[in-house]
C-alpha atoms as a PDB file:
ATOM      1  CA  MET A   1      51.608  -6.421  21.111  1.00  0.00           C
ATOM      2  CA  ALA A   2      48.559  -4.713  19.808  1.00  0.00           C
ATOM      3  CA  THR A   3      47.059  -7.815  18.366  1.00  0.00           C
ATOM      4  CA  THR A   4      43.350  -8.337  18.490  1.00  0.00           C
ATOM      5  CA  ASN A   5      41.897 -11.583  19.338  1.00  0.00           C
ATOM      6  CA  LYS A   6      39.339 -13.247  17.045  1.00  0.00           C
ATOM      7  CA  SER A   7      37.091 -13.750  20.031  1.00  0.00           C
ATOM      8  CA  GLU A   8      36.984  -9.944  20.537  1.00  0.00           C
ATOM      9  CA  THR A   9      36.244  -8.969  16.908  1.00  0.00           C
ATOM     10  CA  ALA A  10      33.561 -11.589  16.300  1.00  0.00           C
ATOM     11  CA  PRO A  11      31.042 -10.037  18.727  1.00  0.00           C
ATOM     12  CA  ARG A  12      31.757  -6.559  17.309  1.00  0.00           C
ATOM     13  CA  ASP A  13      31.139  -7.806  13.784  1.00  0.00           C
ATOM     14  CA  ALA A  14      27.943  -9.522  14.899  1.00  0.00           C
ATOM     15  CA  VAL A  15      26.732  -6.290  16.540  1.00  0.00           C
ATOM     16  CA  LYS A  16      27.485  -4.339  13.350  1.00  0.00           C
ATOM     17  CA  ASP A  17      25.620  -6.952  11.302  1.00  0.00           C
ATOM     18  CA  ILE A  18      22.638  -6.709  13.636  1.00  0.00           C
ATOM     19  CA  GLU A  19      22.710  -2.896  13.449  1.00  0.00           C
ATOM     20  CA  ARG A  20      22.738  -3.079   9.644  1.00  0.00           C
ATOM     21  CA  ASP A  21      19.843  -5.543   9.728  1.00  0.00           C
ATOM     22  CA  ILE A  22      17.890  -3.269  12.070  1.00  0.00           C
ATOM     23  CA  GLN A  23      18.531  -0.290   9.794  1.00  0.00           C
ATOM     24  CA  ALA A  24      17.389  -2.308   6.778  1.00  0.00           C
ATOM     25  CA  LEU A  25      14.246  -3.328   8.669  1.00  0.00           C
ATOM     26  CA  ARG A  26      13.552   0.319   9.547  1.00  0.00           C
ATOM     27  CA  GLU A  27      13.874   1.279   5.887  1.00  0.00           C
ATOM     28  CA  ASP A  28      11.614  -1.598   4.849  1.00  0.00           C
ATOM     29  CA  ILE A  29       9.019  -0.568   7.427  1.00  0.00           C
ATOM     30  CA  ALA A  30       9.183   3.045   6.230  1.00  0.00           C
ATOM     31  CA  ASN A  31       8.728   1.883   2.627  1.00  0.00           C
ATOM     32  CA  LEU A  32       5.777  -0.307   3.601  1.00  0.00           C
ATOM     33  CA  ALA A  33       4.200   2.562   5.513  1.00  0.00           C
ATOM     34  CA  SER A  34       4.487   4.877   2.523  1.00  0.00           C
ATOM     35  CA  GLN A  35       3.079   2.181   0.218  1.00  0.00           C
ATOM     36  CA  LEU A  36       0.150   1.638   2.592  1.00  0.00           C
ATOM     37  CA  ALA A  37      -0.471   5.377   2.718  1.00  0.00           C
ATOM     38  CA  ALA A  38      -0.462   5.561  -1.074  1.00  0.00           C
ATOM     39  CA  ALA A  39      -2.814   2.587  -1.324  1.00  0.00           C
ATOM     40  CA  GLY A  40      -5.075   4.199   1.270  1.00  0.00           C
ATOM     41  CA  LYS A  41      -5.169   7.419  -0.742  1.00  0.00           C
ATOM     42  CA  GLU A  42      -6.059   5.490  -3.885  1.00  0.00           C
ATOM     43  CA  GLN A  43      -8.840   3.651  -2.070  1.00  0.00           C
ATOM     44  CA  ALA A  44     -10.130   6.913  -0.617  1.00  0.00           C
ATOM     45  CA  GLN A  45     -10.153   8.527  -4.060  1.00  0.00           C
ATOM     46  CA  ALA A  46     -11.981   5.535  -5.515  1.00  0.00           C
ATOM     47  CA  ALA A  47     -14.545   5.594  -2.702  1.00  0.00           C
ATOM     48  CA  LYS A  48     -14.988   9.345  -3.120  1.00  0.00           C
ATOM     49  CA  GLY A  49     -15.549   8.936  -6.856  1.00  0.00           C
ATOM     50  CA  ALA A  50     -18.053   6.151  -6.282  1.00  0.00           C
ATOM     51  CA  ALA A  51     -19.892   8.246  -3.695  1.00  0.00           C
ATOM     52  CA  TYR A  52     -20.104  11.210  -6.062  1.00  0.00           C
ATOM     53  CA  ALA A  53     -21.361   8.966  -8.859  1.00  0.00           C
ATOM     54  CA  LYS A  54     -24.007   7.432  -6.593  1.00  0.00           C
ATOM     55  CA  ALA A  55     -25.074  10.868  -5.335  1.00  0.00           C
ATOM     56  CA  GLU A  56     -25.417  12.103  -8.906  1.00  0.00           C
ATOM     57  CA  GLU A  57     -27.494   9.048  -9.835  1.00  0.00           C
ATOM     58  CA  LEU A  58     -29.758   9.547  -6.813  1.00  0.00           C
ATOM     59  CA  ARG A  59     -30.143  13.253  -7.614  1.00  0.00           C
ATOM     60  CA  ARG A  60     -31.110  12.419 -11.184  1.00  0.00           C
ATOM     61  CA  ARG A  61     -33.581   9.763 -10.046  1.00  0.00           C
ATOM     62  CA  GLY A  62     -35.059  12.227  -7.557  1.00  0.00           C
ATOM     63  CA  GLU A  63     -35.495  14.833 -10.262  1.00  0.00           C
ATOM     64  CA  ASP A  64     -37.174  12.233 -12.480  1.00  0.00           C
ATOM     65  CA  ALA A  65     -39.545  11.271  -9.657  1.00  0.00           C
ATOM     66  CA  VAL A  66     -40.416  14.919  -9.015  1.00  0.00           C
ATOM     67  CA  GLU A  67     -41.056  15.460 -12.714  1.00  0.00           C
ATOM     68  CA  ARG A  68     -43.329  12.387 -12.875  1.00  0.00           C
ATOM     69  CA  ALA A  69     -45.220  13.563  -9.777  1.00  0.00           C
ATOM     70  CA  ARG A  70     -45.614  17.032 -11.287  1.00  0.00           C
ATOM     71  CA  ALA A  71     -46.931  15.543 -14.542  1.00  0.00           C
ATOM     72  CA  ASN A  72     -49.366  13.315 -12.628  1.00  0.00           C
ATOM     73  CA  ALA A  73     -50.572  16.283 -10.580  1.00  0.00           C
ATOM     74  CA  GLU A  74     -51.129  18.287 -13.753  1.00  0.00           C
ATOM     75  CA  ASP A  75     -53.101  15.380 -15.249  1.00  0.00           C
ATOM     76  CA  VAL A  76     -55.258  15.094 -12.133  1.00  0.00           C
ATOM     77  CA  GLU A  77     -55.802  18.859 -12.132  1.00  0.00           C
ATOM     78  CA  ALA A  78     -56.876  18.764 -15.782  1.00  0.00           C
ATOM     79  CA  GLN A  79     -59.264  15.881 -15.077  1.00  0.00           C
ATOM     80  CA  ILE A  80     -60.790  17.731 -12.129  1.00  0.00           C
ATOM     81  CA  ILE A  81     -61.229  20.897 -14.183  1.00  0.00           C
ATOM     82  CA  ASP A  82     -62.855  18.900 -16.988  1.00  0.00           C
ATOM     83  CA  HIS A  83     -65.148  17.149 -14.503  1.00  0.00           C
ATOM     84  CA  VAL A  84     -66.158  20.465 -12.910  1.00  0.00           C
ATOM     85  CA  HIS A  85     -66.959  21.928 -16.330  1.00  0.00           C
ATOM     86  CA  GLU A  86     -68.925  18.848 -17.393  1.00  0.00           C
ATOM     87  CA  LYS A  87     -70.849  18.340 -14.136  1.00  0.00           C
ATOM     88  CA  PRO A  88     -70.781  21.490 -12.008  1.00  0.00           C
ATOM     89  CA  ILE A  89     -73.633  20.487  -9.670  1.00  0.00           C
ATOM     90  CA  THR A  90     -72.125  17.066  -8.945  1.00  0.00           C
ATOM     91  CA  SER A  91     -68.728  18.652  -8.350  1.00  0.00           C
ATOM     92  CA  LEU A  92     -70.238  21.186  -5.951  1.00  0.00           C
ATOM     93  CA  ALA A  93     -72.005  18.394  -4.051  1.00  0.00           C
ATOM     94  CA  ILE A  94     -68.775  16.386  -3.802  1.00  0.00           C
ATOM     95  CA  ALA A  95     -66.865  19.449  -2.572  1.00  0.00           C
ATOM     96  CA  ALA A  96     -69.540  20.173   0.035  1.00  0.00           C
ATOM     97  CA  GLY A  97     -69.477  16.547   1.209  1.00  0.00           C
ATOM     98  CA  VAL A  98     -65.705  16.525   1.518  1.00  0.00           C
ATOM     99  CA  GLY A  99     -65.832  19.824   3.417  1.00  0.00           C
ATOM    100  CA  PHE A 100     -68.499  18.473   5.767  1.00  0.00           C
ATOM    101  CA  LEU A 101     -66.506  15.290   6.480  1.00  0.00           C
ATOM    102  CA  THR A 102     -63.345  17.297   7.038  1.00  0.00           C
ATOM    103  CA  ALA A 103     -65.177  19.545   9.514  1.00  0.00           C
ATOM    104  CA  LEU A 104     -66.489  16.499  11.396  1.00  0.00           C
ATOM    105  CA  ILE A 105     -63.039  14.944  11.615  1.00  0.00           C
ATOM    106  CA  LEU A 106     -61.330  18.151  12.701  1.00  0.00           C
ATOM    107  CA  ARG A 107     -64.004  18.948  15.283  1.00  0.00           C
ATOM    108  CA  ARG A 108     -63.180  15.830  17.313  1.00  0.00           C
END
């Protein structure tokens, strides 16, 4: 008398199938989340490496620019010293004129 009816076991089997499907979906979602996290880490590492490379390039270019400016300043200094030695009176007159103009500008 303990017979089960097919109409009673079919819904139970369907529920078990759905539960298995839900569990499989949960596992798939967990796998996708871990794959996305790994891909995100890779992208972050790549971006970090690119940023460091760009910073190094900019630092090097900055050092080159400073070195060029220093060399230009040394050239200008040498030219001024040569000019002062060659024409001391003219150089003194130019310096006095620049000083006078600077005083006029700063006075206002």
